[in-house]
Amino acid sequence: MAPSPTWCQADTRFRPFLRQMPLIPDVSPLQLGLIIGLATFSGIAGGVAGYGTGAIMPLVLVPLVGAKPVVPIIAISAMFTNSARIVAFRKRLDLRLAAIALVCALPTCVLGAWLYTLLSGRGAALVIGLTLIATVPLRRILRRRGRRLGDKGYAAGALLWGLVVGGTTGSGVILLSLLMATGLEGAAVIATDSLVSVAIGVVKLSVFGYAGVITPIVLAIGCLIGGIGFCSTFIARLIVERMPVHVHTAILDVVVIAGAAIMIFDAVRP
């Protein structure tokens, strides 16, 4: 009977296999630094304004990993950032509005996530880009109306939001706008939105996992961005009452529109 290989021999045997499984292949140290820096900025921005990661991170992720993995990556990272926001602003949660949103949005979210898994890389880029551009005027229109939504209007909006959020990134601003339209303000909006988003994230990740789109690379990048965002949220809590939100929002709108336009151009060009 042949002797069992020693630990060193086994390690040598598996080294070629391990070299074929880099954590984040084709990502240079400079690109990794860009991801970390932008994840920190978007985590702080998202903690202040309630959104940011889903709108900003695709601008650097799409050129690195392609369009299709972006939604699963953001869905993973959002579990970290939204959990941190719940902890940071837990005293301002509105459980009733969160429950209405979940009951209405969960079924349509499953449909949206499933439809996303059927898209090509070019189709995914178009969906992400068009959605990001559309969220900017939508939020401003709802804010200018200055009217509060009743439960029925809020439920209908949540139903449609579930379909959109299931297959896109950056669409969390729609739920924020709906919550503000009901009369919620400040940290209450961020906390309630985060609670709903965590539950929606579980559904999205379940569908993506079943469809096989959560690869080791997607998981690694998503956890990296999420871990950074988790810590950044508590920095945001320290400045949430000091930073002029309208200034941040204006800058973010410009970045979102410009980046989304570039993504759409890349997707439609021959």
Protein backbone atom coordinates (compact mmCIF):
# COMPACT_ATOMS: atom_id res chain seq x y z
CA MET A 1 0.00 0.00 0.00
CA ALA A 2 1.46 3.35 -1.09
CA PRO A 3 2.14 5.79 1.72
CA SER A 4 -0.20 8.77 2.06
CA PRO A 5 1.24 12.03 0.75
CA THR A 6 2.59 14.38 3.34
CA TRP A 7 1.01 17.81 3.92
CA CYS A 8 3.82 19.47 1.93
CA GLN A 9 3.36 17.07 -0.98
CA ALA A 10 -0.39 17.64 -1.03
CA ASP A 11 0.14 21.38 -0.90
CA THR A 12 2.52 21.19 -3.88
CA ARG A 13 0.04 19.06 -5.77
CA PHE A 14 -2.75 21.65 -5.37
CA ARG A 15 -0.64 24.76 -6.05
CA PRO A 16 -1.27 24.77 -9.83
CA PHE A 17 -5.01 24.51 -9.14
CA LEU A 18 -4.91 27.35 -6.64
CA ARG A 19 -3.00 29.57 -9.05
CA GLN A 20 -5.91 29.16 -11.49
CA MET A 21 -8.35 30.54 -8.92
CA PRO A 22 -7.24 34.12 -8.16
CA LEU A 23 -9.56 36.02 -5.85
CA ILE A 24 -10.18 38.91 -8.26
CA PRO A 25 -8.53 38.10 -11.59
CA ASP A 26 -7.59 40.84 -14.08
CA VAL A 27 -7.90 43.54 -11.40
CA SER A 28 -4.66 45.45 -10.88
CA PRO A 29 -3.65 47.02 -7.53
CA LEU A 30 -4.55 50.43 -8.99
CA GLN A 31 -8.01 49.23 -9.99
CA LEU A 32 -8.47 47.58 -6.61
CA GLY A 33 -7.52 50.86 -4.94
CA LEU A 34 -10.10 52.64 -7.11
CA ILE A 35 -12.79 50.18 -6.01
CA ILE A 36 -11.87 50.66 -2.34
CA GLY A 37 -11.77 54.45 -2.62
CA LEU A 38 -15.07 54.70 -4.46
CA ALA A 39 -16.69 52.18 -2.10
CA THR A 40 -15.66 54.35 0.85
CA PHE A 41 -17.04 57.49 -0.78
CA SER A 42 -20.29 55.84 -1.83
CA GLY A 43 -20.70 54.26 1.62
CA ILE A 44 -20.45 57.65 3.31
CA ALA A 45 -22.63 59.30 0.67
CA GLY A 46 -25.22 56.55 0.96
CA GLY A 47 -25.28 56.83 4.73
CA VAL A 48 -25.97 60.55 4.45
CA ALA A 49 -28.49 60.63 1.62
CA GLY A 50 -29.86 57.08 1.81
CA TYR A 51 -28.50 55.99 -1.55
CA GLY A 52 -25.18 56.06 -3.33
CA THR A 53 -23.52 52.65 -3.63
CA GLY A 54 -25.95 51.31 -6.23
CA ALA A 55 -25.67 54.50 -8.26
CA ILE A 56 -21.93 55.14 -8.07
CA MET A 57 -20.22 51.74 -7.95
CA PRO A 58 -21.41 50.61 -11.42
CA LEU A 59 -19.34 53.42 -12.89
CA VAL A 60 -16.13 51.61 -11.91
CA LEU A 61 -17.40 48.02 -11.82
CA VAL A 62 -18.80 47.83 -15.36
CA PRO A 63 -15.43 48.55 -17.04
CA LEU A 64 -13.71 46.01 -14.76
CA VAL A 65 -16.09 43.03 -14.62
CA GLY A 66 -18.70 43.81 -17.29
CA ALA A 67 -22.30 44.88 -16.86
CA LYS A 68 -24.06 41.64 -16.00
CA PRO A 69 -22.26 40.84 -12.69
CA VAL A 70 -22.86 44.36 -11.35
CA VAL A 71 -26.38 43.84 -9.97
CA PRO A 72 -25.43 40.70 -7.99
CA ILE A 73 -22.30 42.46 -6.68
CA ILE A 74 -24.30 45.48 -5.52
CA ALA A 75 -26.98 43.21 -4.02
CA ILE A 76 -24.32 41.48 -1.88
CA SER A 77 -22.67 44.73 -0.78
CA ALA A 78 -26.06 46.28 0.00
CA MET A 79 -26.69 43.62 2.64
CA PHE A 80 -23.73 45.01 4.59
CA THR A 81 -24.48 48.71 4.11
CA ASN A 82 -28.20 48.47 4.77
CA SER A 83 -27.63 46.39 7.89
CA ALA A 84 -25.28 49.11 9.17
CA ARG A 85 -27.88 51.80 8.48
CA ILE A 86 -30.50 49.86 10.40
CA VAL A 87 -28.17 49.68 13.40
CA ALA A 88 -27.13 53.33 13.10
CA PHE A 89 -30.67 54.75 12.71
CA ARG A 90 -32.76 52.00 14.33
CA LYS A 91 -34.64 54.42 16.63
CA ARG A 92 -36.27 56.10 13.61
CA LEU A 93 -37.67 52.98 11.92
CA ASP A 94 -41.27 53.08 10.66
CA LEU A 95 -42.25 49.42 10.79
CA ARG A 96 -45.74 49.96 9.32
CA LEU A 97 -44.49 51.53 6.09
CA ALA A 98 -41.72 48.95 5.85
CA ALA A 99 -44.28 46.13 6.10
CA ILE A 100 -46.49 47.64 3.36
CA ALA A 101 -43.51 47.96 1.01
CA LEU A 102 -42.37 44.39 1.62
CA VAL A 103 -45.79 42.82 1.07
CA CYS A 104 -46.17 44.63 -2.25
CA ALA A 105 -42.60 44.57 -3.56
CA LEU A 106 -41.39 41.06 -2.75
CA PRO A 107 -43.40 39.18 -5.45
CA THR A 108 -42.49 41.63 -8.22
CA CYS A 109 -38.86 41.67 -7.07
CA VAL A 110 -38.61 37.95 -7.78
CA LEU A 111 -39.91 38.56 -11.31
CA GLY A 112 -37.50 41.46 -11.89
CA ALA A 113 -34.49 39.47 -10.68
CA TRP A 114 -35.40 36.51 -12.85
CA LEU A 115 -35.81 38.69 -15.94
CA TYR A 116 -32.40 40.23 -15.27
CA THR A 117 -30.69 36.82 -15.38
CA LEU A 118 -31.98 36.42 -18.96
CA LEU A 119 -30.40 39.63 -20.23
CA SER A 120 -27.21 39.76 -22.25
CA GLY A 121 -24.27 41.87 -21.08
CA ARG A 122 -25.25 44.67 -23.50
CA GLY A 123 -28.88 44.50 -22.41
CA ALA A 124 -27.83 44.70 -18.77
CA ALA A 125 -25.79 47.83 -19.47
CA LEU A 126 -28.76 49.47 -21.17
CA VAL A 127 -31.12 48.61 -18.31
CA ILE A 128 -28.71 49.92 -15.67
CA GLY A 129 -27.91 53.11 -17.56
CA LEU A 130 -31.49 54.01 -18.43
CA THR A 131 -32.66 53.31 -14.90
CA LEU A 132 -29.96 55.48 -13.35
CA ILE A 133 -30.86 58.41 -15.61
CA ALA A 134 -34.58 57.99 -14.96
CA THR A 135 -34.21 58.05 -11.17
CA VAL A 136 -32.88 61.63 -11.15
CA PRO A 137 -35.93 63.45 -12.60
CA LEU A 138 -38.29 60.99 -10.90
CA ARG A 139 -37.02 61.90 -7.47
CA ARG A 140 -37.19 65.62 -8.22
CA ILE A 141 -40.74 65.38 -9.60
CA LEU A 142 -42.01 63.56 -6.53
CA ARG A 143 -40.33 66.05 -4.23
CA ARG A 144 -41.73 69.09 -6.04
CA ARG A 145 -45.27 67.79 -5.84
CA GLY A 146 -45.19 68.40 -2.12
CA ARG A 147 -48.04 65.97 -1.58
CA ARG A 148 -48.20 62.99 0.72
CA LEU A 149 -49.02 59.57 -0.61
CA GLY A 150 -51.75 57.60 1.06
CA ASP A 151 -51.34 53.92 1.84
CA LYS A 152 -52.88 52.85 -1.49
CA GLY A 153 -50.63 55.08 -3.57
CA TYR A 154 -47.59 54.06 -1.56
CA ALA A 155 -48.47 50.36 -1.99
CA ALA A 156 -48.90 50.78 -5.76
CA GLY A 157 -45.55 52.54 -5.99
CA ALA A 158 -43.88 49.79 -3.97
CA LEU A 159 -45.36 47.18 -6.31
CA LEU A 160 -43.73 48.81 -9.34
CA TRP A 161 -40.51 49.50 -7.44
CA GLY A 162 -40.17 45.80 -6.65
CA LEU A 163 -40.09 44.96 -10.35
CA VAL A 164 -37.44 47.62 -11.04
CA VAL A 165 -35.24 46.90 -8.02
CA GLY A 166 -35.21 43.18 -8.79
CA GLY A 167 -33.15 43.69 -11.93
CA THR A 168 -31.29 46.99 -11.60
CA THR A 169 -28.92 48.95 -9.39
CA GLY A 170 -29.40 52.52 -8.21
CA SER A 171 -33.19 52.18 -8.11
CA GLY A 172 -33.28 52.48 -4.32
CA VAL A 173 -33.85 56.19 -4.84
CA ILE A 174 -37.38 55.34 -5.98
CA LEU A 175 -38.26 53.85 -2.60
CA LEU A 176 -36.65 56.83 -0.86
CA SER A 177 -38.85 59.15 -2.89
CA LEU A 178 -41.95 57.11 -2.06
CA LEU A 179 -41.12 57.18 1.65
CA MET A 180 -40.55 60.94 1.57
CA ALA A 181 -43.85 61.33 -0.27
CA THR A 182 -45.63 59.71 2.69
CA GLY A 183 -44.22 62.38 5.01
CA LEU A 184 -41.17 60.64 6.45
CA GLU A 185 -38.08 62.82 6.87
CA GLY A 186 -34.37 62.56 7.63
CA ALA A 187 -33.04 59.48 9.36
CA ALA A 188 -36.49 57.86 9.40
CA VAL A 189 -36.35 57.58 5.61
CA ILE A 190 -32.88 56.02 5.67
CA ALA A 191 -33.73 53.55 8.42
CA THR A 192 -37.03 52.39 6.89
CA ASP A 193 -35.56 52.14 3.41
CA SER A 194 -32.67 50.04 4.74
CA LEU A 195 -34.96 47.57 6.49
CA VAL A 196 -36.99 47.03 3.33
CA SER A 197 -33.82 46.78 1.23
CA VAL A 198 -32.33 44.04 3.42
CA ALA A 199 -35.41 41.86 2.95
CA ILE A 200 -35.47 42.60 -0.79
CA GLY A 201 -31.76 41.78 -0.95
CA VAL A 202 -32.36 38.32 0.49
CA VAL A 203 -34.89 37.62 -2.28
CA LYS A 204 -32.63 38.94 -5.04
CA LEU A 205 -29.64 36.94 -3.84
CA SER A 206 -31.77 33.79 -3.63
CA VAL A 207 -32.86 34.20 -7.25
CA PHE A 208 -29.34 35.06 -8.42
CA GLY A 209 -27.92 32.09 -6.53
CA TYR A 210 -30.47 29.73 -8.07
CA ALA A 211 -29.65 31.10 -11.53
CA GLY A 212 -25.93 30.57 -10.94
CA VAL A 213 -24.84 34.19 -11.45
CA ILE A 214 -23.19 34.51 -8.01
CA THR A 215 -19.66 33.41 -8.86
CA PRO A 216 -16.65 33.50 -6.49
CA ILE A 217 -15.53 36.74 -8.15
CA VAL A 218 -18.95 38.34 -7.66
CA LEU A 219 -18.99 37.21 -4.04
CA ALA A 220 -15.46 38.49 -3.35
CA ILE A 221 -16.03 41.95 -4.82
CA GLY A 222 -19.47 42.25 -3.24
CA CYS A 223 -18.15 41.40 0.23
CA LEU A 224 -15.21 43.79 -0.22
CA ILE A 225 -17.47 46.71 -1.14
CA GLY A 226 -20.00 45.76 1.53
CA GLY A 227 -17.42 45.55 4.31
CA ILE A 228 -16.08 48.99 3.44
CA GLY A 229 -19.59 50.38 3.21
CA PHE A 230 -20.52 48.94 6.61
CA CYS A 231 -17.75 50.90 8.31
CA SER A 232 -18.39 54.02 6.23
CA THR A 233 -22.00 54.17 7.37
CA PHE A 234 -20.99 55.00 10.92
CA ILE A 235 -18.79 57.81 9.63
CA ALA A 236 -21.85 59.08 7.76
CA ARG A 237 -23.89 59.07 10.95
CA LEU A 238 -21.44 61.55 12.48
CA ILE A 239 -21.95 64.03 9.63
CA VAL A 240 -25.60 63.39 8.70
CA GLU A 241 -26.78 66.50 10.54
CA ARG A 242 -23.87 68.70 9.44
CA MET A 243 -23.50 68.12 5.71
CA PRO A 244 -25.88 70.05 3.39
CA VAL A 245 -27.81 67.20 1.78
CA HIS A 246 -28.87 69.29 -1.23
CA VAL A 247 -25.22 69.88 -2.16
CA HIS A 248 -24.40 66.19 -2.02
CA THR A 249 -27.54 65.33 -3.97
CA ALA A 250 -26.73 67.78 -6.76
CA ILE A 251 -23.19 66.42 -7.15
CA LEU A 252 -24.43 62.83 -7.08
CA ASP A 253 -27.06 63.56 -9.74
CA VAL A 254 -24.40 64.88 -12.11
CA VAL A 255 -22.17 61.86 -11.54
CA VAL A 256 -25.05 59.43 -12.04
CA ILE A 257 -26.28 61.02 -15.28
CA ALA A 258 -22.80 61.34 -16.79
CA GLY A 259 -21.77 57.81 -15.86
CA ALA A 260 -25.05 56.28 -17.02
CA ALA A 261 -24.78 58.10 -20.36
CA ILE A 262 -21.31 56.61 -20.88
CA MET A 263 -22.59 53.13 -20.08
CA ILE A 264 -25.46 53.49 -22.57
CA PHE A 265 -23.12 54.79 -25.26
CA ASP A 266 -20.79 51.83 -24.79
CA ALA A 267 -23.75 49.44 -24.98
CA VAL A 268 -25.30 50.80 -28.20
CA ARG A 269 -22.19 51.51 -30.23
CA PRO A 270 -21.32 48.88 -32.87
